[in-house]
Amino acid sequence: MGDRLGNGRAPGADAGRTGEGGRPDPGHRPGDGRLPGTGPAAGAVPGAAPGAARGPVILAAGAVLWLPGRPKPSGRLGRPRVAVIHRPKYDDWSLPKGKLDPGEGVVGAALREVWEETGFHCLLGPELPTQHYLAQGRPKEVRYWAAVPTSGAFRPNREVDRLEWLPARKARARLTHDRDRLLIDALLLVLGSKPVRTGGGPSAGEGGSDLPAPSP
């Protein structure tokens, strides 16, 4: 099936989600289901605390794109898999995210960034912990959601040259930044999955950008 989901469309996938030219509609607002204690103050760094001047703060949004695991012989689904992306500019493995465009809302930005970096339209689910850190000396605030792809296909682009779907443990090990690994943990908590047992590294060649075939 390659990296496409069925015929590239899902029931209700287009309703209120994409705007002119196929770009995500900033007005579309999926439910968030925020985790307790994961508001903007979570993990704040000096200079990015709530109540500080918002002018210098870089605002961004993204998502942890995930899929159910492969079906097992018992009929149960395996552990979820997560999309991790390689950014050639930084030579790192990360999760899709990016800065808000002028006048853009965080939900619209998250949908747009996932589409631009991975090629997938998606539906946002529960909100994950907000990240606060310094980027080139400026405070940066990034809001994330759990998200599932509904249509699309990955093609290498200027910002992202590789995308791999990995089980949570291998995704966690592949990611370059500790802050991104915490988002994998938060996703598993939201999904009710068992925590990842750390200590093992990713296997070479495992994963790939293809979406899994649907179960029979």
N, C-alpha and C. Protein backbone atom coordinates (compact mmCIF):
# COMPACT_ATOMS: atom_id res chain seq x y z
N MET A 1 0.82 -1.20 0.00
CA MET A 1 0.00 0.00 0.00
C MET A 1 0.86 1.25 0.00
N GLY A 2 2.21 1.08 0.20
CA GLY A 2 3.05 2.26 0.26
C GLY A 2 2.72 3.10 1.47
N ASP A 3 2.99 4.44 1.37
CA ASP A 3 2.69 5.26 2.51
C ASP A 3 1.33 5.92 2.42
N ARG A 4 0.38 5.39 1.67
CA ARG A 4 -0.94 6.00 1.59
C ARG A 4 -1.92 5.25 2.48
N LEU A 5 -2.90 5.95 2.93
CA LEU A 5 -3.96 5.35 3.71
C LEU A 5 -5.11 5.06 2.77
N GLY A 6 -5.29 3.79 2.40
CA GLY A 6 -6.39 3.40 1.53
C GLY A 6 -6.35 4.21 0.25
N ASN A 7 -7.46 4.87 -0.07
CA ASN A 7 -7.52 5.70 -1.27
C ASN A 7 -7.13 7.14 -0.98
N GLY A 8 -6.49 7.36 0.18
CA GLY A 8 -6.04 8.71 0.52
C GLY A 8 -7.10 9.54 1.20
N ARG A 9 -8.25 8.96 1.50
CA ARG A 9 -9.32 9.69 2.16
C ARG A 9 -9.90 8.82 3.27
N ALA A 10 -10.49 9.44 4.25
CA ALA A 10 -11.13 8.71 5.33
C ALA A 10 -12.50 9.30 5.54
N PRO A 11 -13.49 8.50 6.02
CA PRO A 11 -14.83 9.05 6.23
C PRO A 11 -14.78 10.27 7.13
N GLY A 12 -15.30 11.38 6.63
CA GLY A 12 -15.32 12.61 7.43
C GLY A 12 -13.99 13.30 7.53
N ALA A 13 -12.98 12.80 6.78
CA ALA A 13 -11.64 13.36 6.95
C ALA A 13 -11.53 14.77 6.43
N ASP A 14 -12.38 15.13 5.44
CA ASP A 14 -12.24 16.45 4.83
C ASP A 14 -13.13 17.49 5.48
N ALA A 15 -14.08 17.05 6.30
CA ALA A 15 -15.06 18.00 6.84
C ALA A 15 -14.40 18.95 7.81
N GLY A 16 -14.36 20.24 7.44
CA GLY A 16 -13.88 21.27 8.35
C GLY A 16 -12.43 21.19 8.69
N ARG A 17 -11.63 20.44 7.89
CA ARG A 17 -10.25 20.28 8.27
C ARG A 17 -9.27 20.91 7.30
N THR A 18 -9.59 20.94 6.01
CA THR A 18 -8.67 21.52 5.08
C THR A 18 -9.27 22.73 4.42
N GLY A 19 -8.44 23.70 4.14
CA GLY A 19 -8.91 24.94 3.53
C GLY A 19 -8.48 25.02 2.09
N GLU A 20 -8.42 26.23 1.59
CA GLU A 20 -8.10 26.45 0.18
C GLU A 20 -6.72 25.92 -0.14
N GLY A 21 -6.61 25.23 -1.28
CA GLY A 21 -5.32 24.68 -1.69
C GLY A 21 -4.91 23.46 -0.91
N GLY A 22 -5.83 22.84 -0.16
CA GLY A 22 -5.49 21.65 0.60
C GLY A 22 -4.79 21.92 1.89
N ARG A 23 -4.61 23.21 2.25
CA ARG A 23 -3.94 23.52 3.51
C ARG A 23 -4.89 23.34 4.68
N PRO A 24 -4.38 22.90 5.83
CA PRO A 24 -5.26 22.72 6.98
C PRO A 24 -5.98 24.01 7.33
N ASP A 25 -7.22 23.88 7.73
CA ASP A 25 -8.04 25.03 8.08
C ASP A 25 -7.79 25.42 9.52
N PRO A 26 -7.23 26.61 9.77
CA PRO A 26 -6.95 27.02 11.16
C PRO A 26 -8.20 27.08 12.00
N GLY A 27 -9.38 27.15 11.38
CA GLY A 27 -10.60 27.22 12.15
C GLY A 27 -11.06 25.89 12.69
N HIS A 28 -10.46 24.79 12.20
CA HIS A 28 -10.86 23.47 12.68
C HIS A 28 -10.30 23.24 14.07
N ARG A 29 -11.14 22.88 15.03
CA ARG A 29 -10.68 22.74 16.40
C ARG A 29 -11.12 21.39 16.95
N PRO A 30 -10.26 20.35 16.81
CA PRO A 30 -10.58 19.06 17.42
C PRO A 30 -10.53 19.16 18.93
N GLY A 31 -11.12 18.16 19.61
CA GLY A 31 -11.05 18.15 21.07
C GLY A 31 -9.63 17.95 21.53
N ASP A 32 -9.32 18.49 22.71
CA ASP A 32 -7.95 18.37 23.16
C ASP A 32 -7.79 17.38 24.31
N GLY A 33 -8.67 17.37 25.31
CA GLY A 33 -8.53 16.43 26.41
C GLY A 33 -7.23 16.59 27.14
N ARG A 34 -6.91 17.80 27.54
CA ARG A 34 -5.61 18.09 28.13
C ARG A 34 -5.35 17.26 29.37
N LEU A 35 -4.10 16.79 29.49
CA LEU A 35 -3.68 16.06 30.68
C LEU A 35 -3.60 17.00 31.87
N PRO A 36 -3.94 16.51 33.07
CA PRO A 36 -3.80 17.37 34.25
C PRO A 36 -2.35 17.83 34.41
N GLY A 37 -2.20 19.11 34.72
CA GLY A 37 -0.86 19.63 34.98
C GLY A 37 -0.02 19.85 33.75
N THR A 38 -0.64 19.87 32.54
CA THR A 38 0.15 20.04 31.34
C THR A 38 -0.15 21.35 30.64
N GLY A 39 -0.53 22.36 31.39
CA GLY A 39 -0.78 23.66 30.81
C GLY A 39 0.51 24.35 30.45
N PRO A 40 0.45 25.59 30.05
CA PRO A 40 1.64 26.30 29.58
C PRO A 40 2.76 26.40 30.60
N ALA A 41 2.44 26.22 31.91
CA ALA A 41 3.50 26.37 32.91
C ALA A 41 4.37 25.13 33.03
N ALA A 42 3.94 23.99 32.44
CA ALA A 42 4.68 22.74 32.63
C ALA A 42 6.07 22.85 32.03
N GLY A 43 7.09 22.55 32.80
CA GLY A 43 8.45 22.53 32.31
C GLY A 43 8.98 23.89 31.91
N ALA A 44 8.47 24.97 32.50
CA ALA A 44 8.88 26.31 32.10
C ALA A 44 10.36 26.54 32.39
N VAL A 45 10.99 27.37 31.56
CA VAL A 45 12.39 27.72 31.76
C VAL A 45 12.46 29.20 32.07
N PRO A 46 13.55 29.67 32.67
CA PRO A 46 13.67 31.10 32.93
C PRO A 46 13.48 31.90 31.65
N GLY A 47 12.70 32.95 31.73
CA GLY A 47 12.43 33.78 30.56
C GLY A 47 11.20 33.36 29.81
N ALA A 48 10.61 32.18 30.16
CA ALA A 48 9.42 31.71 29.46
C ALA A 48 8.29 31.46 30.43
N ALA A 49 8.39 32.01 31.62
CA ALA A 49 7.37 31.75 32.63
C ALA A 49 6.08 32.46 32.28
N PRO A 50 4.93 31.86 32.70
CA PRO A 50 3.66 32.53 32.45
C PRO A 50 3.65 33.92 33.08
N GLY A 51 3.04 34.88 32.39
CA GLY A 51 2.99 36.23 32.90
C GLY A 51 4.12 37.10 32.40
N ALA A 52 5.15 36.47 31.81
CA ALA A 52 6.24 37.26 31.25
C ALA A 52 5.79 37.88 29.94
N ALA A 53 6.54 38.87 29.46
CA ALA A 53 6.20 39.52 28.20
C ALA A 53 6.20 38.48 27.08
N ARG A 54 5.13 38.49 26.27
CA ARG A 54 4.99 37.48 25.24
C ARG A 54 5.71 37.84 23.96
N GLY A 55 6.13 39.09 23.83
CA GLY A 55 6.75 39.50 22.57
C GLY A 55 7.92 38.63 22.15
N PRO A 56 8.90 38.39 23.04
CA PRO A 56 10.08 37.64 22.60
C PRO A 56 9.87 36.14 22.54
N VAL A 57 8.75 35.65 23.03
CA VAL A 57 8.54 34.20 23.06
C VAL A 57 8.21 33.68 21.67
N ILE A 58 8.91 32.65 21.24
CA ILE A 58 8.62 31.98 19.96
C ILE A 58 7.50 30.98 20.20
N LEU A 59 6.40 31.13 19.51
CA LEU A 59 5.26 30.23 19.65
C LEU A 59 5.27 29.22 18.52
N ALA A 60 5.10 27.95 18.88
CA ALA A 60 5.12 26.86 17.90
C ALA A 60 4.11 25.79 18.30
N ALA A 61 3.85 24.89 17.37
CA ALA A 61 2.90 23.80 17.64
C ALA A 61 3.28 22.60 16.79
N GLY A 62 2.89 21.42 17.27
CA GLY A 62 3.19 20.19 16.55
C GLY A 62 2.36 19.04 17.06
N ALA A 63 2.75 17.84 16.68
CA ALA A 63 1.98 16.66 17.07
C ALA A 63 2.87 15.44 17.13
N VAL A 64 2.44 14.48 17.94
CA VAL A 64 3.05 13.15 17.95
C VAL A 64 2.12 12.26 17.13
N LEU A 65 2.54 11.96 15.91
CA LEU A 65 1.73 11.19 14.97
C LEU A 65 1.91 9.71 15.28
N TRP A 66 0.79 8.99 15.50
CA TRP A 66 0.91 7.59 15.91
C TRP A 66 -0.10 6.73 15.17
N LEU A 67 0.17 5.43 15.17
CA LEU A 67 -0.70 4.43 14.58
C LEU A 67 -0.79 3.23 15.50
N PRO A 68 -1.90 2.49 15.47
CA PRO A 68 -1.97 1.24 16.23
C PRO A 68 -0.90 0.28 15.75
N GLY A 69 -0.47 -0.60 16.64
CA GLY A 69 0.53 -1.59 16.28
C GLY A 69 -0.03 -2.63 15.31
N ARG A 70 0.86 -3.44 14.78
CA ARG A 70 0.45 -4.48 13.84
C ARG A 70 -0.40 -5.53 14.56
N PRO A 71 -1.38 -6.10 13.85
CA PRO A 71 -2.22 -7.14 14.48
C PRO A 71 -1.39 -8.36 14.85
N LYS A 72 -1.67 -8.94 16.01
CA LYS A 72 -1.01 -10.16 16.46
C LYS A 72 -1.87 -11.37 16.08
N PRO A 73 -1.29 -12.56 16.10
CA PRO A 73 -2.08 -13.77 15.79
C PRO A 73 -3.32 -13.91 16.67
N SER A 74 -3.25 -13.38 17.88
CA SER A 74 -4.39 -13.46 18.79
C SER A 74 -5.52 -12.53 18.37
N GLY A 75 -5.22 -11.63 17.43
CA GLY A 75 -6.22 -10.65 17.02
C GLY A 75 -6.05 -9.31 17.71
N ARG A 76 -5.26 -9.27 18.76
CA ARG A 76 -5.02 -8.00 19.46
C ARG A 76 -3.99 -7.19 18.69
N LEU A 77 -4.06 -5.88 18.85
CA LEU A 77 -3.10 -5.00 18.21
C LEU A 77 -1.84 -4.88 19.04
N GLY A 78 -0.72 -4.78 18.37
CA GLY A 78 0.53 -4.58 19.07
C GLY A 78 0.65 -3.17 19.60
N ARG A 79 1.81 -2.86 20.13
CA ARG A 79 2.04 -1.54 20.71
C ARG A 79 2.04 -0.49 19.62
N PRO A 80 1.63 0.73 19.93
CA PRO A 80 1.53 1.78 18.91
C PRO A 80 2.89 2.12 18.31
N ARG A 81 2.84 2.63 17.09
CA ARG A 81 4.04 3.10 16.42
C ARG A 81 3.95 4.61 16.21
N VAL A 82 5.10 5.23 16.23
CA VAL A 82 5.18 6.69 16.22
C VAL A 82 6.03 7.13 15.02
N ALA A 83 5.61 8.22 14.39
CA ALA A 83 6.38 8.79 13.27
C ALA A 83 7.48 9.69 13.81
N VAL A 84 8.71 9.39 13.45
CA VAL A 84 9.84 10.25 13.79
C VAL A 84 10.45 10.75 12.49
N ILE A 85 10.90 11.99 12.48
CA ILE A 85 11.39 12.61 11.26
C ILE A 85 12.85 13.04 11.41
N HIS A 86 13.57 12.98 10.30
CA HIS A 86 14.96 13.43 10.28
C HIS A 86 15.03 14.76 9.55
N ARG A 87 15.63 15.76 10.23
CA ARG A 87 15.78 17.10 9.66
C ARG A 87 17.23 17.29 9.23
N PRO A 88 17.48 17.35 7.91
CA PRO A 88 18.87 17.46 7.45
C PRO A 88 19.55 18.75 7.89
N LYS A 89 18.79 19.84 8.08
CA LYS A 89 19.40 21.11 8.48
C LYS A 89 20.09 20.97 9.83
N TYR A 90 19.47 20.20 10.74
CA TYR A 90 20.02 20.03 12.08
C TYR A 90 20.65 18.65 12.27
N ASP A 91 20.45 17.76 11.31
CA ASP A 91 20.90 16.37 11.40
C ASP A 91 20.44 15.75 12.71
N ASP A 92 19.13 15.90 12.98
CA ASP A 92 18.57 15.30 14.19
C ASP A 92 17.28 14.56 13.86
N TRP A 93 16.84 13.73 14.80
CA TRP A 93 15.56 13.03 14.72
C TRP A 93 14.60 13.70 15.69
N SER A 94 13.45 14.08 15.19
CA SER A 94 12.55 14.90 15.96
C SER A 94 11.10 14.49 15.69
N LEU A 95 10.18 15.33 16.15
CA LEU A 95 8.75 15.18 15.93
C LEU A 95 8.27 16.40 15.16
N PRO A 96 7.25 16.24 14.32
CA PRO A 96 6.81 17.38 13.50
C PRO A 96 6.30 18.55 14.34
N LYS A 97 6.84 19.72 14.04
CA LYS A 97 6.42 20.94 14.74
C LYS A 97 6.93 22.13 13.95
N GLY A 98 6.45 23.32 14.29
CA GLY A 98 6.95 24.52 13.64
C GLY A 98 6.31 25.76 14.21
N LYS A 99 6.85 26.90 13.84
CA LYS A 99 6.38 28.18 14.37
C LYS A 99 5.04 28.57 13.76
N LEU A 100 4.27 29.30 14.54
CA LEU A 100 2.99 29.80 14.06
C LEU A 100 3.22 30.87 13.00
N ASP A 101 2.39 30.85 11.96
CA ASP A 101 2.37 31.95 11.00
C ASP A 101 1.65 33.14 11.64
N PRO A 102 1.89 34.35 11.15
CA PRO A 102 1.18 35.51 11.71
C PRO A 102 -0.33 35.34 11.66
N GLY A 103 -0.98 35.56 12.80
CA GLY A 103 -2.42 35.45 12.89
C GLY A 103 -2.95 34.03 12.95
N GLU A 104 -2.08 33.03 13.00
CA GLU A 104 -2.49 31.63 12.99
C GLU A 104 -2.70 31.12 14.41
N GLY A 105 -3.69 30.27 14.62
CA GLY A 105 -3.91 29.64 15.91
C GLY A 105 -3.04 28.41 16.08
N VAL A 106 -2.93 27.94 17.32
CA VAL A 106 -2.03 26.81 17.58
C VAL A 106 -2.55 25.52 16.96
N VAL A 107 -3.87 25.31 16.95
CA VAL A 107 -4.42 24.09 16.36
C VAL A 107 -4.16 24.07 14.85
N GLY A 108 -4.45 25.19 14.19
CA GLY A 108 -4.19 25.26 12.76
C GLY A 108 -2.72 25.08 12.44
N ALA A 109 -1.86 25.64 13.28
CA ALA A 109 -0.42 25.51 13.06
C ALA A 109 0.03 24.06 13.20
N ALA A 110 -0.50 23.36 14.21
CA ALA A 110 -0.13 21.96 14.41
C ALA A 110 -0.53 21.12 13.19
N LEU A 111 -1.76 21.32 12.70
CA LEU A 111 -2.22 20.58 11.53
C LEU A 111 -1.38 20.90 10.30
N ARG A 112 -1.08 22.18 10.11
CA ARG A 112 -0.29 22.59 8.95
C ARG A 112 1.13 22.03 9.00
N GLU A 113 1.76 22.11 10.16
CA GLU A 113 3.13 21.64 10.28
C GLU A 113 3.24 20.14 10.05
N VAL A 114 2.28 19.37 10.58
CA VAL A 114 2.30 17.93 10.33
C VAL A 114 2.19 17.67 8.84
N TRP A 115 1.28 18.38 8.17
CA TRP A 115 1.09 18.18 6.74
C TRP A 115 2.33 18.57 5.95
N GLU A 116 2.91 19.74 6.27
CA GLU A 116 4.06 20.21 5.51
C GLU A 116 5.29 19.33 5.71
N GLU A 117 5.49 18.81 6.92
CA GLU A 117 6.71 18.05 7.20
C GLU A 117 6.57 16.57 6.91
N THR A 118 5.35 16.02 7.01
CA THR A 118 5.18 14.58 6.82
C THR A 118 4.35 14.22 5.60
N GLY A 119 3.55 15.15 5.07
CA GLY A 119 2.67 14.84 3.97
C GLY A 119 1.33 14.26 4.38
N PHE A 120 1.09 14.12 5.70
CA PHE A 120 -0.14 13.51 6.19
C PHE A 120 -1.10 14.56 6.75
N HIS A 121 -2.37 14.46 6.34
CA HIS A 121 -3.44 15.13 7.06
C HIS A 121 -3.73 14.28 8.29
N CYS A 122 -4.15 14.92 9.36
CA CYS A 122 -4.36 14.16 10.59
C CYS A 122 -5.51 14.73 11.40
N LEU A 123 -5.94 13.97 12.36
CA LEU A 123 -6.90 14.41 13.35
C LEU A 123 -6.19 14.53 14.69
N LEU A 124 -6.37 15.65 15.35
CA LEU A 124 -5.74 15.85 16.65
C LEU A 124 -6.60 15.26 17.75
N GLY A 125 -5.95 14.63 18.71
CA GLY A 125 -6.63 14.07 19.86
C GLY A 125 -6.25 14.84 21.12
N PRO A 126 -5.95 14.12 22.20
CA PRO A 126 -5.61 14.80 23.46
C PRO A 126 -4.36 15.66 23.33
N GLU A 127 -4.37 16.77 24.06
CA GLU A 127 -3.19 17.62 24.08
C GLU A 127 -2.15 17.00 25.01
N LEU A 128 -0.90 17.08 24.60
CA LEU A 128 0.23 16.56 25.37
C LEU A 128 0.92 17.72 26.08
N PRO A 129 1.87 17.43 26.97
CA PRO A 129 2.52 18.51 27.71
C PRO A 129 3.14 19.57 26.80
N THR A 130 2.95 20.81 27.19
CA THR A 130 3.57 21.93 26.48
C THR A 130 5.05 21.99 26.83
N GLN A 131 5.89 22.25 25.84
CA GLN A 131 7.33 22.35 26.06
C GLN A 131 7.76 23.82 26.13
N HIS A 132 8.67 24.08 27.04
CA HIS A 132 9.29 25.40 27.14
C HIS A 132 10.80 25.20 27.17
N TYR A 133 11.50 25.87 26.28
CA TYR A 133 12.96 25.80 26.27
C TYR A 133 13.50 27.01 25.53
N LEU A 134 14.82 27.17 25.58
CA LEU A 134 15.45 28.29 24.90
C LEU A 134 15.91 27.86 23.52
N ALA A 135 15.62 28.68 22.51
CA ALA A 135 16.07 28.44 21.14
C ALA A 135 16.86 29.66 20.69
N GLN A 136 18.16 29.48 20.53
CA GLN A 136 19.05 30.58 20.17
C GLN A 136 18.88 31.77 21.12
N GLY A 137 18.78 31.44 22.40
CA GLY A 137 18.71 32.46 23.44
C GLY A 137 17.33 33.04 23.67
N ARG A 138 16.34 32.62 22.91
CA ARG A 138 14.97 33.12 23.09
C ARG A 138 14.09 32.03 23.66
N PRO A 139 13.17 32.39 24.56
CA PRO A 139 12.25 31.38 25.08
C PRO A 139 11.30 30.90 23.98
N LYS A 140 11.08 29.61 23.95
CA LYS A 140 10.20 29.01 22.95
C LYS A 140 9.15 28.17 23.64
N GLU A 141 7.91 28.28 23.19
CA GLU A 141 6.80 27.51 23.75
C GLU A 141 6.19 26.69 22.61
N VAL A 142 6.16 25.36 22.80
CA VAL A 142 5.63 24.47 21.77
C VAL A 142 4.51 23.63 22.36
N ARG A 143 3.33 23.74 21.78
CA ARG A 143 2.19 22.92 22.21
C ARG A 143 2.05 21.73 21.27
N TYR A 144 1.78 20.57 21.85
CA TYR A 144 1.70 19.32 21.10
C TYR A 144 0.37 18.62 21.35
N TRP A 145 -0.03 17.86 20.35
CA TRP A 145 -1.20 16.98 20.47
C TRP A 145 -0.83 15.58 20.00
N ALA A 146 -1.52 14.58 20.55
CA ALA A 146 -1.50 13.25 19.94
C ALA A 146 -2.32 13.36 18.66
N ALA A 147 -1.91 12.64 17.61
CA ALA A 147 -2.61 12.76 16.33
C ALA A 147 -2.52 11.46 15.55
N VAL A 148 -3.57 11.18 14.78
CA VAL A 148 -3.58 10.00 13.91
C VAL A 148 -3.72 10.47 12.46
N PRO A 149 -2.98 9.85 11.53
CA PRO A 149 -3.09 10.25 10.12
C PRO A 149 -4.40 9.75 9.53
N THR A 150 -4.97 10.55 8.65
CA THR A 150 -6.21 10.16 7.97
C THR A 150 -6.01 10.00 6.47
N SER A 151 -5.04 10.69 5.90
CA SER A 151 -4.76 10.56 4.47
C SER A 151 -3.41 11.20 4.20
N GLY A 152 -2.86 10.91 3.02
CA GLY A 152 -1.62 11.53 2.63
C GLY A 152 -0.51 10.54 2.38
N ALA A 153 0.65 11.05 2.08
CA ALA A 153 1.82 10.22 1.81
C ALA A 153 3.08 11.04 2.08
N PHE A 154 4.08 10.40 2.62
CA PHE A 154 5.33 11.10 2.88
C PHE A 154 6.19 11.14 1.62
N ARG A 155 6.72 12.32 1.35
CA ARG A 155 7.73 12.49 0.31
C ARG A 155 8.84 13.37 0.88
N PRO A 156 10.09 12.98 0.68
CA PRO A 156 11.18 13.81 1.19
C PRO A 156 11.06 15.24 0.70
N ASN A 157 11.37 16.18 1.58
CA ASN A 157 11.27 17.59 1.24
C ASN A 157 12.45 18.35 1.84
N ARG A 158 12.44 19.66 1.66
CA ARG A 158 13.57 20.47 2.10
C ARG A 158 13.79 20.39 3.60
N GLU A 159 12.70 20.31 4.37
CA GLU A 159 12.83 20.30 5.82
C GLU A 159 13.03 18.91 6.40
N VAL A 160 12.43 17.91 5.78
CA VAL A 160 12.46 16.53 6.31
C VAL A 160 12.81 15.58 5.18
N ASP A 161 13.92 14.84 5.34
CA ASP A 161 14.32 13.92 4.27
C ASP A 161 14.01 12.46 4.59
N ARG A 162 13.62 12.18 5.83
CA ARG A 162 13.29 10.79 6.19
C ARG A 162 12.17 10.79 7.22
N LEU A 163 11.31 9.81 7.13
CA LEU A 163 10.27 9.57 8.13
C LEU A 163 10.21 8.08 8.39
N GLU A 164 10.17 7.69 9.64
CA GLU A 164 10.08 6.28 9.99
C GLU A 164 9.00 6.07 11.04
N TRP A 165 8.26 4.97 10.86
CA TRP A 165 7.27 4.55 11.87
C TRP A 165 7.93 3.51 12.75
N LEU A 166 8.09 3.82 14.03
CA LEU A 166 8.81 2.95 14.95
C LEU A 166 7.97 2.64 16.17
N PRO A 167 8.13 1.43 16.74
CA PRO A 167 7.51 1.18 18.05
C PRO A 167 7.99 2.21 19.06
N ALA A 168 7.21 2.43 20.09
CA ALA A 168 7.49 3.51 21.02
C ALA A 168 8.90 3.44 21.60
N ARG A 169 9.35 2.26 21.97
CA ARG A 169 10.69 2.15 22.57
C ARG A 169 11.76 2.58 21.58
N LYS A 170 11.66 2.11 20.35
CA LYS A 170 12.67 2.45 19.35
C LYS A 170 12.54 3.92 18.93
N ALA A 171 11.33 4.42 18.88
CA ALA A 171 11.15 5.84 18.57
C ALA A 171 11.80 6.70 19.65
N ARG A 172 11.60 6.29 20.89
CA ARG A 172 12.17 7.05 22.01
C ARG A 172 13.69 7.07 21.93
N ALA A 173 14.28 5.92 21.58
CA ALA A 173 15.73 5.84 21.48
C ALA A 173 16.26 6.60 20.26
N ARG A 174 15.48 6.64 19.18
CA ARG A 174 15.93 7.31 17.96
C ARG A 174 15.93 8.83 18.11
N LEU A 175 15.01 9.36 18.89
CA LEU A 175 14.88 10.81 19.02
C LEU A 175 16.15 11.42 19.62
N THR A 176 16.53 12.57 19.11
CA THR A 176 17.76 13.23 19.54
C THR A 176 17.61 13.93 20.88
N HIS A 177 16.46 14.55 21.12
CA HIS A 177 16.29 15.41 22.29
C HIS A 177 15.47 14.73 23.38
N ASP A 178 15.92 14.90 24.61
CA ASP A 178 15.21 14.31 25.75
C ASP A 178 13.78 14.84 25.84
N ARG A 179 13.58 16.10 25.52
CA ARG A 179 12.24 16.67 25.63
C ARG A 179 11.24 15.95 24.72
N ASP A 180 11.71 15.46 23.56
CA ASP A 180 10.83 14.71 22.66
C ASP A 180 10.52 13.32 23.21
N ARG A 181 11.47 12.74 23.92
CA ARG A 181 11.23 11.43 24.52
C ARG A 181 10.13 11.52 25.58
N LEU A 182 10.07 12.64 26.28
CA LEU A 182 9.01 12.82 27.27
C LEU A 182 7.63 12.84 26.61
N LEU A 183 7.57 13.31 25.37
CA LEU A 183 6.29 13.32 24.67
C LEU A 183 5.85 11.91 24.30
N ILE A 184 6.79 11.02 24.00
CA ILE A 184 6.45 9.62 23.76
C ILE A 184 5.85 9.02 25.02
N ASP A 185 6.46 9.30 26.17
CA ASP A 185 5.93 8.81 27.45
C ASP A 185 4.53 9.34 27.70
N ALA A 186 4.31 10.62 27.39
CA ALA A 186 2.99 11.22 27.59
C ALA A 186 1.96 10.59 26.67
N LEU A 187 2.35 10.29 25.43
CA LEU A 187 1.43 9.64 24.49
C LEU A 187 1.01 8.27 25.01
N LEU A 188 1.96 7.49 25.50
CA LEU A 188 1.62 6.16 26.02
C LEU A 188 0.68 6.27 27.21
N LEU A 189 0.88 7.29 28.03
CA LEU A 189 0.00 7.50 29.17
C LEU A 189 -1.42 7.79 28.69
N VAL A 190 -1.54 8.64 27.69
CA VAL A 190 -2.85 8.98 27.13
C VAL A 190 -3.53 7.75 26.55
N LEU A 191 -2.74 6.91 25.86
CA LEU A 191 -3.31 5.72 25.21
C LEU A 191 -3.54 4.57 26.17
N GLY A 192 -3.08 4.72 27.40
CA GLY A 192 -3.25 3.64 28.37
C GLY A 192 -2.30 2.49 28.14
N SER A 193 -1.19 2.74 27.43
CA SER A 193 -0.20 1.70 27.16
C SER A 193 0.82 1.64 28.29
N LYS A 194 1.52 0.50 28.35
CA LYS A 194 2.55 0.35 29.38
C LYS A 194 3.72 1.28 29.07
N PRO A 195 4.38 1.81 30.11
CA PRO A 195 5.54 2.67 29.87
C PRO A 195 6.64 1.93 29.12
N VAL A 196 7.47 2.69 28.44
CA VAL A 196 8.59 2.11 27.71
C VAL A 196 9.69 1.72 28.67
N ARG A 197 10.26 0.53 28.46
CA ARG A 197 11.44 0.14 29.22
C ARG A 197 12.65 0.60 28.43
N THR A 198 13.37 1.55 28.98
CA THR A 198 14.49 2.13 28.26
C THR A 198 15.74 1.28 28.42
N GLY A 199 16.74 1.59 27.59
CA GLY A 199 18.01 0.89 27.69
C GLY A 199 18.45 0.28 26.39
N GLY A 200 17.51 0.00 25.48
CA GLY A 200 17.86 -0.57 24.19
C GLY A 200 17.86 0.48 23.11
N GLY A 201 18.75 0.37 22.17
CA GLY A 201 18.81 1.32 21.07
C GLY A 201 18.01 0.83 19.89
N PRO A 202 17.79 1.69 18.91
CA PRO A 202 17.03 1.30 17.73
C PRO A 202 17.81 0.34 16.85
N SER A 203 17.11 -0.54 16.17
CA SER A 203 17.75 -1.48 15.26
C SER A 203 17.91 -0.83 13.89
N ALA A 204 19.04 -1.01 13.29
CA ALA A 204 19.28 -0.41 11.98
C ALA A 204 18.30 -0.98 10.97
N GLY A 205 17.73 -0.08 10.18
CA GLY A 205 16.85 -0.52 9.12
C GLY A 205 15.44 -0.82 9.56
N GLU A 206 15.12 -0.74 10.85
CA GLU A 206 13.77 -1.03 11.30
C GLU A 206 12.89 0.19 11.11
N GLY A 207 11.65 -0.05 10.86
CA GLY A 207 10.71 1.04 10.70
C GLY A 207 10.38 1.26 9.25
N GLY A 208 10.56 2.49 8.75
CA GLY A 208 10.19 2.83 7.39
C GLY A 208 9.02 3.78 7.39
N SER A 209 8.81 4.44 6.25
CA SER A 209 7.77 5.46 6.19
C SER A 209 6.42 4.90 5.78
N ASP A 210 6.35 3.62 5.38
CA ASP A 210 5.08 3.06 4.95
C ASP A 210 4.12 2.93 6.10
N LEU A 211 2.85 3.19 5.83
CA LEU A 211 1.81 2.94 6.81
C LEU A 211 1.49 1.45 6.81
N PRO A 212 1.07 0.91 7.95
CA PRO A 212 0.79 -0.53 8.00
C PRO A 212 -0.46 -0.86 7.21
N ALA A 213 -0.46 -2.07 6.66
CA ALA A 213 -1.65 -2.53 5.96
C ALA A 213 -2.76 -2.79 6.97
N PRO A 214 -4.02 -2.50 6.62
CA PRO A 214 -5.10 -2.75 7.55
C PRO A 214 -5.24 -4.23 7.83
N SER A 215 -5.73 -4.57 9.01
CA SER A 215 -5.92 -5.98 9.35
C SER A 215 -7.05 -6.54 8.51
N PRO A 216 -6.98 -7.85 8.15
CA PRO A 216 -8.01 -8.45 7.31
C PRO A 216 -9.37 -8.38 7.96
